[in-house]
């Protein structure tokens, strides 16, 4: 049963949680770079990401329990979405909820020059494709992946 859902900005205390999630077998299988990430590399990435004003990292909480992560990397007028759901929380609709919530959150947190949210999904990742489509993102097929876009 789902409780109260909210997105919160990631904090230093999320380092190990995000490391655990990023190295989950299903997350690696659906990533464009499928190799496991060494902890030292994750720490460097995390510190750089947290200091980067063009990156917005959030954790989805359900009644205070972290259940997923979603990140926006701003590039020009677009923001590239990266998200994942915690292994034990999959198939509960959290992916779609994060994609819905990030639209309002991005409008509140980012500058007005960002006009488009973009997601890139491997063709084999049916769950993620379904989540983007359920949230009204427009599909564009590319040779290596599906690109989903939504104007803000």
Protein backbone atom coordinates (compact mmCIF):
# COMPACT_ATOMS: atom_id res chain seq x y z
CA UNK A 1 0.00 0.00 0.00
CA UNK A 2 1.29 3.41 -0.94
CA UNK A 3 1.50 6.27 1.52
CA UNK A 4 2.43 9.89 1.04
CA UNK A 5 4.85 10.40 -1.88
CA UNK A 6 7.30 13.26 -2.27
CA UNK A 7 10.57 14.09 -3.98
CA UNK A 8 13.41 15.47 -1.92
CA UNK A 9 16.76 16.76 -3.09
CA UNK A 10 19.54 14.24 -2.64
CA UNK A 11 21.96 14.85 0.22
CA UNK A 12 25.40 13.55 1.24
CA UNK A 13 23.70 10.79 3.23
CA UNK A 14 22.37 9.28 -0.02
CA UNK A 15 25.84 8.32 -1.31
CA UNK A 16 25.67 4.63 -0.33
CA UNK A 17 21.97 4.24 -1.15
CA UNK A 18 22.49 5.54 -4.69
CA UNK A 19 25.57 3.29 -5.00
CA UNK A 20 23.50 0.25 -4.02
CA UNK A 21 20.75 1.13 -6.49
CA UNK A 22 23.04 1.98 -9.43
CA UNK A 23 24.76 -1.41 -9.18
CA UNK A 24 21.55 -3.44 -9.04
CA UNK A 25 21.62 -6.06 -11.80
CA UNK A 26 18.41 -4.82 -13.48
CA UNK A 27 19.61 -1.19 -13.42
CA UNK A 28 22.95 -2.17 -15.00
CA UNK A 29 21.16 -4.30 -17.64
CA UNK A 30 19.01 -1.30 -18.65
CA UNK A 31 21.85 1.24 -18.55
CA UNK A 32 23.71 2.35 -21.65
CA UNK A 33 26.97 1.51 -19.84
CA UNK A 34 26.26 -1.88 -18.33
CA UNK A 35 29.41 -2.44 -16.29
CA UNK A 36 29.22 -2.43 -12.48
CA UNK A 37 30.50 0.84 -11.01
CA UNK A 38 33.38 0.67 -8.52
CA UNK A 39 32.72 2.47 -5.23
CA UNK A 40 35.65 4.88 -5.70
CA UNK A 41 34.26 5.97 -9.08
CA UNK A 42 30.79 6.38 -7.60
CA UNK A 43 32.15 8.61 -4.80
CA UNK A 44 33.92 10.85 -7.34
CA UNK A 45 30.81 11.01 -9.54
CA UNK A 46 28.56 11.74 -6.54
CA UNK A 47 30.73 14.60 -5.27
CA UNK A 48 30.92 16.13 -8.76
CA UNK A 49 27.18 15.68 -9.31
CA UNK A 50 26.27 17.27 -5.97
CA UNK A 51 28.44 20.32 -6.76
CA UNK A 52 27.12 20.72 -10.33
CA UNK A 53 24.45 23.45 -10.58
CA UNK A 54 23.13 21.89 -13.82
CA UNK A 55 22.28 18.57 -12.13
CA UNK A 56 19.15 18.07 -10.03
CA UNK A 57 19.17 14.77 -8.11
CA UNK A 58 16.08 13.70 -6.17
CA UNK A 59 15.02 10.74 -4.07
CA UNK A 60 11.40 9.59 -4.13
CA UNK A 61 10.10 8.84 -0.65
CA UNK A 62 6.99 6.90 0.29
CA UNK A 63 6.06 7.79 3.88
CA UNK A 64 9.72 8.65 4.45
CA UNK A 65 11.15 5.46 2.93
CA UNK A 66 13.36 5.99 -0.14
CA UNK A 67 11.91 3.99 -3.04
CA UNK A 68 13.62 5.48 -6.12
CA UNK A 69 15.81 8.18 -7.59
CA UNK A 70 15.41 10.60 -10.47
CA UNK A 71 18.00 13.00 -11.85
CA UNK A 72 17.82 15.82 -14.36
CA UNK A 73 20.95 16.83 -16.26
CA UNK A 74 20.35 20.22 -17.85
CA UNK A 75 21.87 20.60 -21.32
CA UNK A 76 20.88 23.81 -23.07
CA UNK A 77 17.09 24.07 -23.17
CA UNK A 78 16.57 20.39 -22.33
CA UNK A 79 16.91 18.28 -19.21
CA UNK A 80 17.90 14.63 -19.63
CA UNK A 81 16.12 12.30 -17.20
CA UNK A 82 17.76 9.36 -15.44
CA UNK A 83 15.67 7.37 -12.98
CA UNK A 84 15.47 4.02 -11.25
CA UNK A 85 13.26 2.31 -8.71
CA UNK A 86 14.66 0.40 -5.72
CA UNK A 87 14.75 -3.36 -6.40
CA UNK A 88 12.07 -4.31 -3.85
CA UNK A 89 9.79 -1.47 -4.95
CA UNK A 90 9.42 -2.32 -8.63
CA UNK A 91 6.10 -2.99 -10.36
CA UNK A 92 4.26 -0.67 -7.97
CA UNK A 93 3.96 2.35 -10.29
CA UNK A 94 6.77 4.40 -8.73
CA UNK A 95 8.45 5.01 -12.10
CA UNK A 96 5.36 6.71 -13.51
CA UNK A 97 4.86 8.65 -10.27
CA UNK A 98 8.43 9.99 -10.41
CA UNK A 99 8.01 11.04 -14.02
CA UNK A 100 4.77 12.85 -13.18
CA UNK A 101 6.23 14.51 -10.09
CA UNK A 102 9.47 15.60 -11.75
CA UNK A 103 7.53 17.74 -14.20
CA UNK A 104 6.17 19.98 -11.43
CA UNK A 105 9.42 19.78 -9.45
CA UNK A 106 11.52 20.84 -12.43
CA UNK A 107 9.28 23.81 -13.11
CA UNK A 108 9.76 24.90 -9.48
CA UNK A 109 13.52 24.26 -9.25
CA UNK A 110 14.99 25.03 -12.67
CA UNK A 111 15.37 28.20 -14.60
CA UNK A 112 12.79 29.03 -17.23
CA UNK A 113 15.20 28.39 -20.12
CA UNK A 114 14.60 24.63 -19.75
CA UNK A 115 11.68 23.89 -22.03
CA UNK A 116 11.88 20.12 -22.59
CA UNK A 117 12.31 16.95 -20.52
CA UNK A 118 14.03 14.09 -22.35
CA UNK A 119 14.34 10.40 -21.53
CA UNK A 120 16.36 7.82 -23.42
CA UNK A 121 15.34 4.18 -23.05
CA UNK A 122 16.75 0.96 -24.46
CA UNK A 123 14.28 -0.91 -26.65
CA UNK A 124 14.41 -3.89 -24.24
CA UNK A 125 13.37 -1.75 -21.26
CA UNK A 126 9.62 -2.18 -21.61
CA UNK A 127 8.80 -1.01 -18.07
CA UNK A 128 10.52 2.35 -18.53
CA UNK A 129 9.03 2.84 -22.00
CA UNK A 130 5.58 2.17 -20.56
CA UNK A 131 6.15 4.68 -17.73
CA UNK A 132 7.17 7.47 -20.14
CA UNK A 133 4.23 6.76 -22.43
CA UNK A 134 1.80 6.64 -19.51
CA UNK A 135 2.99 10.14 -18.52
CA UNK A 136 2.37 11.62 -21.97
CA UNK A 137 5.93 11.80 -23.29
CA UNK A 138 6.22 11.72 -27.09
CA UNK A 139 8.14 8.78 -28.52
CA UNK A 140 10.89 9.07 -31.14
CA UNK A 141 12.62 5.92 -32.34
CA UNK A 142 16.38 6.14 -32.84
CA UNK A 143 18.67 3.31 -33.99
CA UNK A 144 20.06 2.56 -30.50
CA UNK A 145 17.23 3.69 -28.21
CA UNK A 146 13.82 5.28 -27.84
CA UNK A 147 13.83 8.97 -27.00
CA UNK A 148 10.90 10.38 -25.04
CA UNK A 149 10.27 14.12 -24.96
CA UNK A 150 7.82 16.37 -23.20
CA UNK A 151 7.55 20.11 -23.58
CA UNK A 152 7.24 22.02 -20.33
